[in-house]
Amino acid sequence: MRVVLYEPEIPQNTGNIARTCAATGTELILIEPLGFEVSDKYLKRAGMDYFRLVDMKVLPGFDALLRQYPDAHFHFASTKAPRSYTEVSFGPEDFLVFGPESRGLPESLLERVYDRCVRIPMIREARSLNLANSVAVVLYEALRQQGFPGLNQAGELTGRADENAPWMDYL
C-alpha cells in the first residue's frame, strides 16, 4: 500500500504518519509544496527512530505522481466524499490520498475522482479528524481487509512486569 500526502502542512502530523507507515510497511509519498522541510526537527521527533524503516518519497507535484504511477488505483479521502471508507475494497497496491490539514484535497480534483472518494463518518458539526488519525483509520482498514499482510498480529510479554506496582493489588 501507499499513503500519499498532498501538500502536507504540519511536520508533526507527517512525522506521526511516517511512523504509522513504518510500522505497517507502507510507502509514504509526499507531494510538494510541503509546509516544512523534510529535515524539520518536529517531523523527526514525531517519527522518532522509525524513519529508517519508512520508504518515503517526495514528488514535485501531483502530476509527477500520476506520471510515475500511470496505472495506479487511487482512493481519495475527503469529508465531501459520497461513502464511508468501510464500503470500499482496498487492494495491496492501492494509493490512499489525503489532503493538507487546513483545506483538504482541492475540489477541482475531487470533482474528477468523486467515485473514488471515501470519508470517515463523524458528526455533522465536526470539520474533520486530525490528518495522522485519518491516515491510521483508513490505512488499518485497508490492511485489515487484506489480512494484515506481513504484520505481526500477536504480542508477547517481556517478563519485565513490576510486581511491586501499587495497581497490582487491584488485579
N, C-alpha and C. Protein backbone atom coordinates (compact mmCIF):
# COMPACT_ATOMS: atom_id res chain seq x y z
N MET A 1 0.85 -1.18 0.00
CA MET A 1 0.00 0.00 0.00
C MET A 1 0.89 1.24 0.00
N ARG A 2 0.27 2.33 -0.40
CA ARG A 2 0.99 3.61 -0.39
C ARG A 2 0.08 4.68 0.17
N VAL A 3 0.64 5.52 1.03
CA VAL A 3 -0.07 6.69 1.55
C VAL A 3 0.52 7.91 0.86
N VAL A 4 -0.37 8.75 0.33
CA VAL A 4 0.05 9.97 -0.35
C VAL A 4 -0.47 11.16 0.44
N LEU A 5 0.44 12.05 0.82
CA LEU A 5 0.05 13.30 1.48
C LEU A 5 0.23 14.42 0.48
N TYR A 6 -0.87 15.00 0.06
CA TYR A 6 -0.87 16.10 -0.90
C TYR A 6 -0.65 17.40 -0.15
N GLU A 7 0.48 18.01 -0.38
CA GLU A 7 0.85 19.30 0.21
C GLU A 7 0.64 19.36 1.73
N PRO A 8 1.23 18.42 2.47
CA PRO A 8 1.08 18.45 3.94
C PRO A 8 1.68 19.72 4.53
N GLU A 9 1.08 20.18 5.63
CA GLU A 9 1.48 21.47 6.21
C GLU A 9 2.15 21.37 7.58
N ILE A 10 1.83 20.34 8.34
CA ILE A 10 2.27 20.27 9.74
C ILE A 10 3.27 19.13 9.91
N PRO A 11 4.51 19.45 10.26
CA PRO A 11 5.54 18.40 10.34
C PRO A 11 5.23 17.31 11.36
N GLN A 12 4.61 17.66 12.48
CA GLN A 12 4.30 16.64 13.48
C GLN A 12 3.32 15.61 12.94
N ASN A 13 2.32 16.05 12.18
CA ASN A 13 1.39 15.09 11.58
C ASN A 13 2.12 14.17 10.62
N THR A 14 2.95 14.74 9.77
CA THR A 14 3.69 13.94 8.80
C THR A 14 4.63 12.97 9.52
N GLY A 15 5.24 13.40 10.60
CA GLY A 15 6.10 12.51 11.39
C GLY A 15 5.32 11.35 11.98
N ASN A 16 4.13 11.62 12.50
CA ASN A 16 3.28 10.55 13.04
C ASN A 16 2.85 9.59 11.93
N ILE A 17 2.52 10.14 10.78
CA ILE A 17 2.12 9.31 9.64
C ILE A 17 3.30 8.46 9.17
N ALA A 18 4.49 9.04 9.15
CA ALA A 18 5.69 8.28 8.77
C ALA A 18 5.88 7.10 9.73
N ARG A 19 5.64 7.32 10.99
CA ARG A 19 5.78 6.23 11.97
C ARG A 19 4.74 5.15 11.71
N THR A 20 3.51 5.53 11.40
CA THR A 20 2.47 4.55 11.06
C THR A 20 2.85 3.78 9.81
N CYS A 21 3.36 4.49 8.81
CA CYS A 21 3.79 3.82 7.58
C CYS A 21 4.94 2.86 7.86
N ALA A 22 5.88 3.27 8.69
CA ALA A 22 7.00 2.40 9.03
C ALA A 22 6.50 1.14 9.72
N ALA A 23 5.58 1.28 10.65
CA ALA A 23 5.08 0.14 11.42
C ALA A 23 4.25 -0.82 10.58
N THR A 24 3.76 -0.34 9.44
CA THR A 24 2.91 -1.18 8.60
C THR A 24 3.57 -1.58 7.28
N GLY A 25 4.79 -1.12 7.05
CA GLY A 25 5.47 -1.43 5.80
C GLY A 25 4.84 -0.74 4.60
N THR A 26 4.28 0.44 4.84
CA THR A 26 3.58 1.19 3.81
C THR A 26 4.47 2.31 3.29
N GLU A 27 4.52 2.45 1.98
CA GLU A 27 5.29 3.53 1.38
C GLU A 27 4.59 4.86 1.64
N LEU A 28 5.36 5.91 1.90
CA LEU A 28 4.83 7.25 2.12
C LEU A 28 5.33 8.17 1.02
N ILE A 29 4.38 8.83 0.35
CA ILE A 29 4.72 9.76 -0.72
C ILE A 29 4.22 11.14 -0.34
N LEU A 30 5.12 12.12 -0.32
CA LEU A 30 4.78 13.49 -0.01
C LEU A 30 4.77 14.29 -1.31
N ILE A 31 3.69 15.03 -1.54
CA ILE A 31 3.55 15.84 -2.74
C ILE A 31 3.84 17.29 -2.39
N GLU A 32 4.80 17.88 -3.06
CA GLU A 32 5.17 19.29 -2.83
C GLU A 32 4.13 20.23 -3.43
N PRO A 33 4.06 21.45 -2.89
CA PRO A 33 4.94 22.02 -1.87
C PRO A 33 4.57 21.51 -0.47
N LEU A 34 5.60 21.38 0.36
CA LEU A 34 5.42 20.97 1.75
C LEU A 34 5.42 22.21 2.63
N GLY A 35 4.74 22.14 3.75
CA GLY A 35 4.71 23.26 4.69
C GLY A 35 5.87 23.24 5.65
N PHE A 36 6.90 22.47 5.36
CA PHE A 36 8.05 22.29 6.24
C PHE A 36 9.18 21.68 5.43
N GLU A 37 10.35 21.61 6.02
CA GLU A 37 11.49 20.94 5.41
C GLU A 37 11.49 19.48 5.86
N VAL A 38 11.90 18.58 5.00
CA VAL A 38 11.95 17.16 5.36
C VAL A 38 12.91 16.92 6.51
N SER A 39 13.86 17.82 6.71
CA SER A 39 14.81 17.70 7.82
C SER A 39 14.29 18.33 9.11
N ASP A 40 13.08 18.83 9.11
CA ASP A 40 12.49 19.52 10.26
C ASP A 40 12.60 18.69 11.54
N LYS A 41 13.02 19.32 12.63
CA LYS A 41 13.19 18.60 13.90
C LYS A 41 11.86 18.08 14.44
N TYR A 42 10.77 18.78 14.19
CA TYR A 42 9.46 18.33 14.67
C TYR A 42 9.00 17.08 13.92
N LEU A 43 9.29 17.03 12.63
CA LEU A 43 8.98 15.87 11.82
C LEU A 43 9.75 14.67 12.36
N LYS A 44 11.03 14.85 12.59
CA LYS A 44 11.87 13.76 13.08
C LYS A 44 11.47 13.33 14.49
N ARG A 45 11.13 14.29 15.36
CA ARG A 45 10.74 13.95 16.72
C ARG A 45 9.45 13.12 16.72
N ALA A 46 8.47 13.52 15.92
CA ALA A 46 7.19 12.79 15.86
C ALA A 46 7.38 11.39 15.28
N GLY A 47 8.30 11.26 14.34
CA GLY A 47 8.56 9.97 13.72
C GLY A 47 9.50 9.09 14.52
N MET A 48 10.07 9.67 15.57
CA MET A 48 11.03 9.00 16.44
C MET A 48 12.14 8.35 15.61
N ASP A 49 12.54 7.16 15.96
CA ASP A 49 13.61 6.49 15.24
C ASP A 49 13.07 5.58 14.13
N TYR A 50 11.83 5.80 13.73
CA TYR A 50 11.20 4.95 12.73
C TYR A 50 11.53 5.35 11.29
N PHE A 51 12.17 6.50 11.09
CA PHE A 51 12.44 6.94 9.73
C PHE A 51 13.32 5.97 8.96
N ARG A 52 14.14 5.22 9.67
CA ARG A 52 14.98 4.24 8.99
C ARG A 52 14.14 3.09 8.42
N LEU A 53 12.89 2.95 8.90
CA LEU A 53 12.02 1.87 8.46
C LEU A 53 11.02 2.27 7.38
N VAL A 54 10.91 3.56 7.11
CA VAL A 54 9.88 4.01 6.17
C VAL A 54 10.49 4.30 4.80
N ASP A 55 9.78 3.85 3.78
CA ASP A 55 10.14 4.16 2.40
C ASP A 55 9.39 5.43 2.05
N MET A 56 10.10 6.56 2.05
CA MET A 56 9.46 7.86 1.83
C MET A 56 10.03 8.53 0.59
N LYS A 57 9.11 9.04 -0.24
CA LYS A 57 9.48 9.77 -1.43
C LYS A 57 8.85 11.14 -1.39
N VAL A 58 9.52 12.11 -1.98
CA VAL A 58 8.97 13.46 -2.14
C VAL A 58 8.90 13.72 -3.63
N LEU A 59 7.69 14.06 -4.11
CA LEU A 59 7.49 14.34 -5.53
C LEU A 59 7.12 15.80 -5.72
N PRO A 60 7.51 16.39 -6.85
CA PRO A 60 7.32 17.83 -7.06
C PRO A 60 5.89 18.27 -7.35
N GLY A 61 4.95 17.38 -7.43
CA GLY A 61 3.55 17.75 -7.68
C GLY A 61 2.72 16.51 -7.96
N PHE A 62 1.40 16.68 -7.97
CA PHE A 62 0.51 15.54 -8.19
C PHE A 62 0.69 14.96 -9.58
N ASP A 63 0.99 15.81 -10.56
CA ASP A 63 1.22 15.32 -11.92
C ASP A 63 2.40 14.37 -11.95
N ALA A 64 3.42 14.62 -11.17
CA ALA A 64 4.59 13.73 -11.10
C ALA A 64 4.18 12.36 -10.57
N LEU A 65 3.29 12.34 -9.60
CA LEU A 65 2.78 11.07 -9.07
C LEU A 65 2.04 10.30 -10.16
N LEU A 66 1.17 10.99 -10.89
CA LEU A 66 0.40 10.34 -11.96
C LEU A 66 1.31 9.83 -13.08
N ARG A 67 2.37 10.55 -13.39
CA ARG A 67 3.32 10.10 -14.41
C ARG A 67 4.10 8.88 -13.94
N GLN A 68 4.49 8.89 -12.66
CA GLN A 68 5.29 7.77 -12.13
C GLN A 68 4.46 6.51 -11.95
N TYR A 69 3.17 6.66 -11.68
CA TYR A 69 2.29 5.51 -11.45
C TYR A 69 1.04 5.64 -12.33
N PRO A 70 1.17 5.51 -13.64
CA PRO A 70 0.04 5.77 -14.54
C PRO A 70 -1.12 4.80 -14.39
N ASP A 71 -0.88 3.60 -13.91
CA ASP A 71 -1.95 2.61 -13.78
C ASP A 71 -2.41 2.41 -12.34
N ALA A 72 -2.05 3.32 -11.47
CA ALA A 72 -2.36 3.18 -10.04
C ALA A 72 -3.85 3.28 -9.77
N HIS A 73 -4.26 2.63 -8.69
CA HIS A 73 -5.65 2.70 -8.23
C HIS A 73 -5.66 3.58 -6.98
N PHE A 74 -6.31 4.74 -7.10
CA PHE A 74 -6.30 5.73 -6.03
C PHE A 74 -7.63 5.76 -5.27
N HIS A 75 -7.53 6.01 -3.96
CA HIS A 75 -8.67 6.32 -3.10
C HIS A 75 -8.37 7.69 -2.50
N PHE A 76 -9.32 8.60 -2.57
CA PHE A 76 -9.13 9.97 -2.12
C PHE A 76 -9.98 10.20 -0.87
N ALA A 77 -9.33 10.56 0.23
CA ALA A 77 -10.04 10.80 1.49
C ALA A 77 -10.52 12.25 1.54
N SER A 78 -11.81 12.41 1.82
CA SER A 78 -12.38 13.76 1.88
C SER A 78 -13.65 13.74 2.73
N THR A 79 -13.86 14.82 3.45
CA THR A 79 -15.12 14.96 4.20
C THR A 79 -16.30 15.17 3.25
N LYS A 80 -16.01 15.42 1.98
CA LYS A 80 -17.06 15.65 0.98
C LYS A 80 -17.39 14.38 0.19
N ALA A 81 -16.78 13.27 0.56
CA ALA A 81 -16.93 12.02 -0.19
C ALA A 81 -18.33 11.43 -0.06
N PRO A 82 -18.76 10.65 -1.06
CA PRO A 82 -20.11 10.09 -1.07
C PRO A 82 -20.30 8.85 -0.19
N ARG A 83 -19.21 8.18 0.22
CA ARG A 83 -19.38 6.95 1.00
C ARG A 83 -18.25 6.77 2.00
N SER A 84 -18.51 5.89 2.95
CA SER A 84 -17.56 5.60 4.02
C SER A 84 -16.40 4.76 3.49
N TYR A 85 -15.26 4.91 4.12
CA TYR A 85 -14.09 4.11 3.78
C TYR A 85 -14.34 2.62 4.00
N THR A 86 -15.31 2.26 4.83
CA THR A 86 -15.60 0.85 5.09
C THR A 86 -16.41 0.21 3.97
N GLU A 87 -16.89 1.00 3.03
CA GLU A 87 -17.69 0.48 1.91
C GLU A 87 -16.85 0.22 0.68
N VAL A 88 -15.55 0.33 0.79
CA VAL A 88 -14.65 0.21 -0.34
C VAL A 88 -13.78 -1.03 -0.16
N SER A 89 -13.44 -1.67 -1.26
CA SER A 89 -12.48 -2.77 -1.23
C SER A 89 -11.11 -2.22 -1.60
N PHE A 90 -10.15 -2.43 -0.72
CA PHE A 90 -8.80 -1.94 -0.93
C PHE A 90 -7.90 -3.08 -1.38
N GLY A 91 -7.02 -2.80 -2.32
CA GLY A 91 -6.05 -3.79 -2.79
C GLY A 91 -4.66 -3.49 -2.28
N PRO A 92 -3.76 -4.44 -2.36
CA PRO A 92 -2.42 -4.29 -1.80
C PRO A 92 -1.55 -3.24 -2.50
N GLU A 93 -1.89 -2.86 -3.71
CA GLU A 93 -1.10 -1.87 -4.45
C GLU A 93 -1.78 -0.51 -4.50
N ASP A 94 -2.88 -0.34 -3.76
CA ASP A 94 -3.66 0.90 -3.82
C ASP A 94 -2.94 2.07 -3.17
N PHE A 95 -3.34 3.26 -3.60
CA PHE A 95 -2.83 4.52 -3.07
C PHE A 95 -3.94 5.20 -2.28
N LEU A 96 -3.64 5.61 -1.05
CA LEU A 96 -4.57 6.35 -0.21
C LEU A 96 -4.10 7.80 -0.19
N VAL A 97 -4.92 8.69 -0.71
CA VAL A 97 -4.52 10.09 -0.90
C VAL A 97 -5.25 10.98 0.11
N PHE A 98 -4.48 11.80 0.82
CA PHE A 98 -5.02 12.71 1.84
C PHE A 98 -4.55 14.12 1.54
N GLY A 99 -5.42 15.09 1.79
CA GLY A 99 -5.12 16.49 1.52
C GLY A 99 -4.47 17.19 2.70
N PRO A 100 -4.12 18.46 2.50
CA PRO A 100 -3.49 19.24 3.56
C PRO A 100 -4.45 19.50 4.72
N GLU A 101 -3.86 19.69 5.88
CA GLU A 101 -4.63 19.83 7.11
C GLU A 101 -5.64 20.97 7.07
N SER A 102 -5.30 22.10 6.51
CA SER A 102 -6.16 23.28 6.61
C SER A 102 -7.28 23.33 5.58
N ARG A 103 -7.15 22.56 4.48
CA ARG A 103 -8.16 22.71 3.43
C ARG A 103 -8.57 21.43 2.74
N GLY A 104 -7.90 20.33 2.98
CA GLY A 104 -8.25 19.08 2.32
C GLY A 104 -7.85 19.10 0.85
N LEU A 105 -8.26 18.07 0.14
CA LEU A 105 -7.96 17.98 -1.29
C LEU A 105 -8.76 19.02 -2.06
N PRO A 106 -8.19 19.57 -3.13
CA PRO A 106 -8.89 20.60 -3.90
C PRO A 106 -10.17 20.04 -4.56
N GLU A 107 -11.21 20.85 -4.56
CA GLU A 107 -12.47 20.42 -5.16
C GLU A 107 -12.31 20.15 -6.65
N SER A 108 -11.40 20.85 -7.32
CA SER A 108 -11.16 20.61 -8.74
C SER A 108 -10.69 19.17 -8.98
N LEU A 109 -9.94 18.61 -8.04
CA LEU A 109 -9.53 17.21 -8.12
C LEU A 109 -10.69 16.31 -7.74
N LEU A 110 -11.35 16.61 -6.63
CA LEU A 110 -12.44 15.75 -6.14
C LEU A 110 -13.54 15.58 -7.18
N GLU A 111 -13.85 16.64 -7.92
CA GLU A 111 -14.89 16.56 -8.96
C GLU A 111 -14.55 15.50 -10.01
N ARG A 112 -13.27 15.35 -10.32
CA ARG A 112 -12.84 14.39 -11.35
C ARG A 112 -12.78 12.96 -10.85
N VAL A 113 -12.66 12.79 -9.53
CA VAL A 113 -12.46 11.44 -8.96
C VAL A 113 -13.51 11.10 -7.90
N TYR A 114 -14.65 11.75 -7.97
CA TYR A 114 -15.66 11.63 -6.92
C TYR A 114 -16.05 10.18 -6.64
N ASP A 115 -16.07 9.35 -7.66
CA ASP A 115 -16.43 7.95 -7.48
C ASP A 115 -15.38 7.16 -6.71
N ARG A 116 -14.19 7.75 -6.53
CA ARG A 116 -13.12 7.08 -5.78
C ARG A 116 -12.82 7.78 -4.46
N CYS A 117 -13.74 8.62 -4.01
CA CYS A 117 -13.56 9.35 -2.75
C CYS A 117 -14.21 8.60 -1.60
N VAL A 118 -13.55 8.64 -0.45
CA VAL A 118 -14.07 7.98 0.76
C VAL A 118 -14.01 8.96 1.92
N ARG A 119 -14.87 8.75 2.88
CA ARG A 119 -14.91 9.61 4.06
C ARG A 119 -14.91 8.76 5.32
N ILE A 120 -14.49 9.38 6.40
CA ILE A 120 -14.59 8.77 7.73
C ILE A 120 -15.83 9.37 8.37
N PRO A 121 -16.80 8.54 8.75
CA PRO A 121 -18.02 9.08 9.34
C PRO A 121 -17.73 9.85 10.63
N MET A 122 -18.43 10.95 10.80
CA MET A 122 -18.33 11.76 12.02
C MET A 122 -19.57 12.64 12.10
N ILE A 123 -19.76 13.29 13.22
CA ILE A 123 -20.93 14.15 13.36
C ILE A 123 -20.82 15.33 12.40
N ARG A 124 -21.95 15.85 12.01
CA ARG A 124 -22.02 16.92 11.01
C ARG A 124 -21.25 18.17 11.45
N GLU A 125 -21.23 18.46 12.74
CA GLU A 125 -20.59 19.68 13.25
C GLU A 125 -19.06 19.61 13.25
N ALA A 126 -18.52 18.43 13.12
CA ALA A 126 -17.05 18.27 13.11
C ALA A 126 -16.53 18.48 11.70
N ARG A 127 -15.55 19.35 11.54
CA ARG A 127 -14.98 19.59 10.20
C ARG A 127 -14.19 18.39 9.72
N SER A 128 -13.34 17.86 10.58
CA SER A 128 -12.50 16.73 10.17
C SER A 128 -11.76 16.17 11.37
N LEU A 129 -11.14 15.04 11.18
CA LEU A 129 -10.24 14.46 12.17
C LEU A 129 -8.83 14.97 11.90
N ASN A 130 -7.95 14.79 12.86
CA ASN A 130 -6.54 15.07 12.66
C ASN A 130 -6.03 14.21 11.50
N LEU A 131 -5.16 14.76 10.68
CA LEU A 131 -4.67 14.06 9.50
C LEU A 131 -3.99 12.73 9.86
N ALA A 132 -3.16 12.73 10.87
CA ALA A 132 -2.47 11.49 11.25
C ALA A 132 -3.47 10.43 11.69
N ASN A 133 -4.51 10.83 12.42
CA ASN A 133 -5.53 9.88 12.83
C ASN A 133 -6.30 9.35 11.63
N SER A 134 -6.62 10.24 10.69
CA SER A 134 -7.36 9.83 9.49
C SER A 134 -6.58 8.80 8.68
N VAL A 135 -5.30 9.05 8.51
CA VAL A 135 -4.46 8.10 7.77
C VAL A 135 -4.47 6.75 8.48
N ALA A 136 -4.30 6.75 9.78
CA ALA A 136 -4.26 5.49 10.53
C ALA A 136 -5.58 4.72 10.40
N VAL A 137 -6.70 5.43 10.51
CA VAL A 137 -8.01 4.78 10.42
C VAL A 137 -8.18 4.10 9.07
N VAL A 138 -7.95 4.83 8.00
CA VAL A 138 -8.18 4.29 6.65
C VAL A 138 -7.14 3.23 6.30
N LEU A 139 -5.88 3.48 6.62
CA LEU A 139 -4.83 2.52 6.30
C LEU A 139 -5.06 1.19 7.02
N TYR A 140 -5.40 1.24 8.29
CA TYR A 140 -5.61 -0.01 9.01
C TYR A 140 -6.84 -0.77 8.52
N GLU A 141 -7.86 -0.07 8.05
CA GLU A 141 -8.99 -0.77 7.44
C GLU A 141 -8.55 -1.45 6.15
N ALA A 142 -7.78 -0.75 5.34
CA ALA A 142 -7.28 -1.35 4.10
C ALA A 142 -6.43 -2.58 4.40
N LEU A 143 -5.57 -2.49 5.39
CA LEU A 143 -4.72 -3.63 5.75
C LEU A 143 -5.55 -4.76 6.37
N ARG A 144 -6.56 -4.42 7.16
CA ARG A 144 -7.44 -5.44 7.75
C ARG A 144 -8.12 -6.25 6.65
N GLN A 145 -8.59 -5.56 5.62
CA GLN A 145 -9.26 -6.26 4.52
C GLN A 145 -8.34 -7.26 3.83
N GLN A 146 -7.05 -7.01 3.89
CA GLN A 146 -6.06 -7.88 3.24
C GLN A 146 -5.47 -8.90 4.21
N GLY A 147 -5.93 -8.92 5.45
CA GLY A 147 -5.41 -9.86 6.44
C GLY A 147 -4.11 -9.42 7.07
N PHE A 148 -3.85 -8.12 7.08
CA PHE A 148 -2.62 -7.56 7.66
C PHE A 148 -1.37 -8.26 7.14
N PRO A 149 -1.14 -8.23 5.83
CA PRO A 149 -0.01 -8.96 5.25
C PRO A 149 1.34 -8.49 5.81
N GLY A 150 2.13 -9.46 6.26
CA GLY A 150 3.47 -9.16 6.74
C GLY A 150 3.55 -8.51 8.11
N LEU A 151 2.40 -8.33 8.77
CA LEU A 151 2.41 -7.65 10.08
C LEU A 151 2.28 -8.67 11.20
N ASN A 152 3.00 -8.42 12.28
CA ASN A 152 2.91 -9.25 13.47
C ASN A 152 1.57 -9.00 14.13
N GLN A 153 0.75 -10.03 14.25
CA GLN A 153 -0.60 -9.85 14.80
C GLN A 153 -0.74 -10.31 16.24
N ALA A 154 0.32 -10.81 16.82
CA ALA A 154 0.26 -11.25 18.21
C ALA A 154 1.46 -10.68 18.96
N GLY A 155 1.21 -10.20 20.17
CA GLY A 155 2.30 -9.70 21.00
C GLY A 155 2.68 -10.75 22.03
N GLU A 156 3.72 -10.46 22.76
CA GLU A 156 4.12 -11.36 23.85
C GLU A 156 4.68 -10.54 24.99
N LEU A 157 4.51 -11.03 26.18
CA LEU A 157 5.00 -10.33 27.36
C LEU A 157 6.53 -10.43 27.43
N THR A 158 7.12 -9.41 27.98
CA THR A 158 8.59 -9.37 28.05
C THR A 158 9.14 -9.93 29.35
N GLY A 159 8.27 -10.15 30.33
CA GLY A 159 8.74 -10.64 31.62
C GLY A 159 9.30 -9.55 32.50
N ARG A 160 9.03 -8.29 32.15
CA ARG A 160 9.57 -7.17 32.92
C ARG A 160 8.50 -6.51 33.78
N ALA A 161 7.45 -7.20 34.12
CA ALA A 161 6.38 -6.60 34.92
C ALA A 161 6.91 -6.20 36.30
N ASP A 162 6.44 -5.10 36.79
CA ASP A 162 6.83 -4.62 38.11
C ASP A 162 5.84 -5.19 39.13
N GLU A 163 6.25 -6.27 39.78
CA GLU A 163 5.37 -6.95 40.76
C GLU A 163 5.01 -6.06 41.93
N ASN A 164 5.77 -5.00 42.21
CA ASN A 164 5.52 -4.14 43.34
C ASN A 164 4.73 -2.89 42.99
N ALA A 165 4.25 -2.81 41.75
CA ALA A 165 3.48 -1.63 41.35
C ALA A 165 2.21 -1.56 42.18
N PRO A 166 1.82 -0.36 42.64
CA PRO A 166 0.65 -0.22 43.51
C PRO A 166 -0.64 -0.70 42.88
N TRP A 167 -0.76 -0.60 41.59
CA TRP A 167 -2.00 -1.03 40.95
C TRP A 167 -2.15 -2.54 40.90
N MET A 168 -1.07 -3.29 41.17
CA MET A 168 -1.13 -4.75 41.14
C MET A 168 -2.11 -5.29 42.18
N ASP A 169 -2.29 -4.56 43.29
CA ASP A 169 -3.21 -5.01 44.33
C ASP A 169 -4.66 -5.02 43.86
N TYR A 170 -4.97 -4.26 42.81
CA TYR A 170 -6.35 -4.16 42.33
C TYR A 170 -6.71 -5.24 41.33
N LEU A 171 -5.73 -5.99 40.89
CA LEU A 171 -5.98 -7.01 39.88
C LEU A 171 -6.32 -8.34 40.48
